[in-house]
Protein backbone atom coordinates (compact mmCIF):
# COMPACT_ATOMS: atom_id res chain seq x y z
CA MET A 1 -12.35 -4.11 -20.16
CA GLY A 2 -10.14 -6.63 -18.44
CA ALA A 3 -9.09 -6.92 -14.94
CA LEU A 4 -6.59 -4.45 -13.55
CA ARG A 5 -3.14 -5.57 -13.56
CA ILE A 6 -1.48 -4.63 -10.05
CA ALA A 7 1.82 -5.21 -8.13
CA VAL A 8 2.02 -5.26 -4.69
CA PHE A 9 5.03 -4.05 -2.92
CA ALA A 10 5.49 -5.10 1.03
CA SER A 11 8.46 -5.90 3.43
CA GLY A 12 7.09 -7.64 6.41
CA GLN A 13 4.18 -10.13 7.50
CA GLY A 14 1.94 -9.12 4.47
CA THR A 15 -1.36 -8.99 6.25
CA ASN A 16 -2.70 -6.49 3.75
CA PHE A 17 -1.29 -8.62 0.83
CA GLN A 18 -3.16 -11.37 2.04
CA ALA A 19 -6.45 -9.16 2.20
CA ILE A 20 -5.99 -8.59 -1.46
CA VAL A 21 -5.23 -12.16 -2.20
CA ASP A 22 -8.45 -13.10 -0.22
CA ALA A 23 -10.47 -10.34 -2.03
CA VAL A 24 -9.27 -11.55 -5.41
CA GLN A 25 -9.88 -15.06 -4.43
CA GLU A 26 -13.48 -14.32 -3.25
CA GLY A 27 -14.68 -12.66 -6.38
CA LYS A 28 -14.57 -9.13 -4.52
CA LEU A 29 -11.76 -7.56 -6.52
CA ASP A 30 -11.59 -7.26 -10.21
CA VAL A 31 -7.73 -7.33 -10.36
CA THR A 32 -4.92 -9.92 -11.31
CA ILE A 33 -1.82 -9.71 -8.96
CA GLU A 34 0.94 -9.72 -11.49
CA LEU A 35 3.89 -9.43 -9.04
CA LEU A 36 4.92 -9.03 -5.29
CA VAL A 37 8.11 -7.05 -4.99
CA CYS A 38 9.71 -7.53 -1.43
CA ASP A 39 13.11 -6.03 -0.25
CA LYS A 40 13.45 -8.64 2.50
CA PRO A 41 13.60 -12.06 0.81
CA ALA A 42 12.85 -13.81 4.13
CA ALA A 43 10.19 -11.80 4.91
CA PRO A 44 6.69 -13.95 5.57
CA VAL A 45 4.89 -12.03 2.82
CA VAL A 46 7.15 -14.28 0.39
CA GLU A 47 5.57 -17.23 1.66
CA ARG A 48 2.05 -15.83 1.27
CA ALA A 49 2.77 -15.00 -2.44
CA ARG A 50 4.08 -18.47 -3.10
CA LYS A 51 0.94 -19.91 -1.56
CA ALA A 52 -1.17 -17.96 -3.53
CA GLY A 53 0.77 -18.50 -6.75
CA VAL A 54 1.84 -14.97 -7.28
CA ASP A 55 5.51 -14.08 -8.94
CA THR A 56 8.06 -12.47 -6.71
CA PHE A 57 10.43 -9.93 -7.18
CA LEU A 58 12.91 -10.21 -4.53
CA PHE A 59 15.74 -8.09 -3.89
CA THR A 60 18.49 -6.89 -1.27
CA PRO A 61 18.79 -3.29 -1.20
CA LYS A 62 22.72 -3.34 -0.16
CA GLU A 63 23.65 -5.19 -3.14
CA TYR A 64 22.74 -2.29 -5.43
CA PRO A 65 24.87 0.87 -5.80
CA SER A 66 21.73 3.34 -5.01
CA ARG A 67 18.04 3.17 -4.76
CA GLU A 68 17.64 4.36 -8.34
CA ALA A 69 19.59 1.16 -9.74
CA TYR A 70 17.14 -1.22 -7.92
CA GLU A 71 14.07 0.67 -9.00
CA THR A 72 15.08 0.90 -12.58
CA GLU A 73 15.26 -3.18 -12.38
CA ILE A 74 11.57 -3.09 -10.64
CA ILE A 75 10.20 -0.81 -13.39
CA ASP A 76 11.58 -2.95 -16.24
CA GLU A 77 9.56 -5.90 -14.62
CA LEU A 78 6.63 -4.06 -13.98
CA GLN A 79 6.53 -2.76 -17.64
CA ARG A 80 7.09 -6.53 -18.94
CA ARG A 81 4.11 -7.51 -17.19
CA GLY A 82 1.79 -4.76 -17.84
CA VAL A 83 1.19 -3.28 -14.40
CA GLU A 84 -1.28 -0.71 -14.16
CA LEU A 85 -1.44 -0.06 -10.46
CA ILE A 86 1.23 -0.45 -7.71
CA VAL A 87 -0.13 -0.77 -4.24
CA LEU A 88 2.31 -0.12 -1.46
CA ALA A 89 1.40 -2.25 1.66
CA GLY A 90 3.88 -2.14 4.28
CA TYR A 91 6.75 -1.79 2.04
CA MET A 92 9.33 0.38 4.20
CA ARG A 93 11.80 1.50 1.77
CA ILE A 94 11.85 5.22 0.67
CA ILE A 95 10.99 5.61 -3.18
CA THR A 96 12.56 8.02 -5.48
CA SER A 97 11.53 9.65 -8.52
CA VAL A 98 12.78 6.79 -10.48
CA LEU A 99 9.50 5.04 -9.87
CA VAL A 100 7.35 7.77 -8.82
CA GLU A 101 7.25 9.53 -11.91
CA PRO A 102 6.39 7.04 -14.40
CA PHE A 103 3.35 5.74 -11.97
CA TYR A 104 2.27 8.90 -10.58
CA GLY A 105 -1.45 8.56 -10.21
CA ARG A 106 -1.12 4.65 -10.71
CA MET A 107 0.73 4.18 -7.35
CA ILE A 108 -1.15 4.03 -4.12
CA ASN A 109 0.05 3.55 -0.41
CA ILE A 110 -1.77 2.84 2.84
CA HIS A 111 -0.75 4.46 6.12
CA PRO A 112 -2.14 3.89 9.79
CA SER A 113 -3.17 7.33 10.58
CA LEU A 114 -5.53 9.99 9.43
CA LEU A 115 -3.02 11.81 7.23
CA PRO A 116 -1.86 14.75 7.59
CA ALA A 117 -1.65 13.56 11.07
CA PHE A 118 1.32 11.23 12.15
CA PRO A 119 3.38 10.56 8.92
CA GLY A 120 6.31 8.40 8.68
CA VAL A 121 7.02 5.61 10.80
CA ASN A 122 5.25 4.40 14.17
CA ALA A 123 2.32 6.40 13.32
CA THR A 124 0.29 4.60 15.88
CA LEU A 125 2.64 5.14 18.73
CA GLN A 126 2.67 8.75 17.70
CA ALA A 127 -1.24 9.08 18.00
CA LEU A 128 -0.86 7.30 21.56
CA ALA A 129 1.79 9.96 22.62
CA TYR A 130 -0.20 12.96 21.09
CA GLY A 131 -3.21 11.80 23.28
CA VAL A 132 -5.82 11.86 20.20
CA LYS A 133 -9.32 10.32 20.36
CA LEU A 134 -9.63 9.60 16.76
CA THR A 135 -6.58 8.04 14.56
CA GLY A 136 -7.20 5.78 11.58
CA VAL A 137 -6.20 4.62 7.96
CA THR A 138 -5.67 6.53 5.05
CA VAL A 139 -5.08 5.49 1.24
CA HIS A 140 -3.22 8.02 -0.71
CA TYR A 141 -1.51 8.50 -3.83
CA VAL A 142 2.16 8.29 -3.84
CA ASP A 143 3.96 11.65 -4.91
CA GLY A 144 7.31 11.19 -3.55
CA GLY A 145 6.87 13.10 -0.23
CA MET A 146 6.69 11.45 3.15
CA ASP A 147 3.09 10.33 3.21
CA SER A 148 2.04 13.71 1.49
CA GLY A 149 0.38 12.48 -1.72
CA PRO A 150 -3.38 13.28 -2.41
CA ILE A 151 -5.85 11.48 -0.18
CA ILE A 152 -8.15 8.83 -1.75
CA ALA A 153 -10.05 7.34 1.49
CA GLN A 154 -9.89 7.48 5.18
CA ARG A 155 -11.42 5.45 8.14
CA ALA A 156 -11.64 6.49 11.63
CA VAL A 157 -10.40 4.32 14.50
CA GLU A 158 -11.31 5.44 18.15
CA VAL A 159 -8.64 5.55 20.64
CA ALA A 160 -9.63 4.15 24.01
CA ASP A 161 -8.12 5.28 27.20
CA GLU A 162 -6.92 2.01 27.84
CA ASP A 163 -5.24 1.37 24.60
CA THR A 164 -1.58 0.31 24.08
CA GLU A 165 0.28 0.48 20.85
CA ASP A 166 -0.31 -3.15 20.26
CA SER A 167 -4.26 -3.15 21.14
CA LEU A 168 -4.77 -0.18 18.89
CA ALA A 169 -2.51 -1.59 16.16
CA VAL A 170 -4.81 -4.80 15.93
CA ARG A 171 -8.09 -2.48 15.33
CA ILE A 172 -6.13 -0.23 12.98
CA HIS A 173 -4.86 -3.33 11.02
CA VAL A 174 -8.53 -4.74 10.60
CA THR A 175 -9.54 -1.35 9.16
CA GLU A 176 -6.55 -1.57 6.64
CA GLN A 177 -7.45 -4.79 5.57
CA ALA A 178 -11.22 -3.73 4.72
CA LEU A 179 -10.33 -0.39 3.19
CA LEU A 180 -7.52 -1.04 0.81
CA PRO A 181 -9.16 -3.86 -1.00
CA ALA A 182 -12.21 -1.50 -1.50
CA VAL A 183 -9.86 1.23 -2.78
CA ILE A 184 -8.27 -0.68 -5.06
CA GLN A 185 -11.67 -2.04 -6.45
CA GLN A 186 -13.04 1.47 -6.98
CA ILE A 187 -9.89 2.26 -9.18
CA ALA A 188 -10.31 -1.08 -10.94
CA GLN A 189 -13.95 -0.10 -11.89
CA GLY A 190 -12.58 3.48 -13.22
CA ARG A 191 -14.51 5.52 -10.39
CA VAL A 192 -11.55 6.96 -9.03
CA SER A 193 -10.08 10.45 -10.65
CA LEU A 194 -7.43 13.00 -9.49
CA SER A 195 -7.27 16.74 -10.01
CA GLU A 196 -4.12 18.22 -8.37
CA ARG A 197 -4.73 17.23 -4.89
CA HIS A 198 -8.20 16.22 -4.85
CA VAL A 199 -9.88 12.77 -5.72
CA THR A 200 -13.07 12.11 -6.47
CA ILE A 201 -14.88 8.89 -6.43
CA SER A 202 -17.89 8.65 -8.59
CA ARG A 203 -20.74 6.32 -7.67
């Protein structure tokens, strides 16, 4: 079985994208990164992709009549490259059924909380405002809802009394950068199975 062909979708700094690139280069991840998809052509993640030799699909959403229109173009590009898994790594756009349906069970997202707690934006700030003692990171399948898909893996991060949004975010990012490549590798090894809402990872 050859390496799993993946596409990474990102909108910003690209630290999780870089963690995937680093894991591949270190021989810890049996995938090929076929494409970076980015909705902000000036985002720092684009330069990370260039340095890593990863092809990019860059687009500006307002130049399209609808989300479905640019997603149709993205699907054509993914299919042309034989992409088997989509990894959303800080991709800040709502995804429609045009993209979700053909890739259901083959699209994952990373979210900075222990879902189902604190879905959506500003999850770290939500956790602090609520006063939880534990938050963390979730990798889940994408089902078209707001961070509502079946959960693959989670790791907890303790919240200290003195934490600010920035200090907590630093520890959450470190956890994300460890968990996401680990989950991708489990998928690449064929160890992850999905049945309705329940995900099983075999040893």
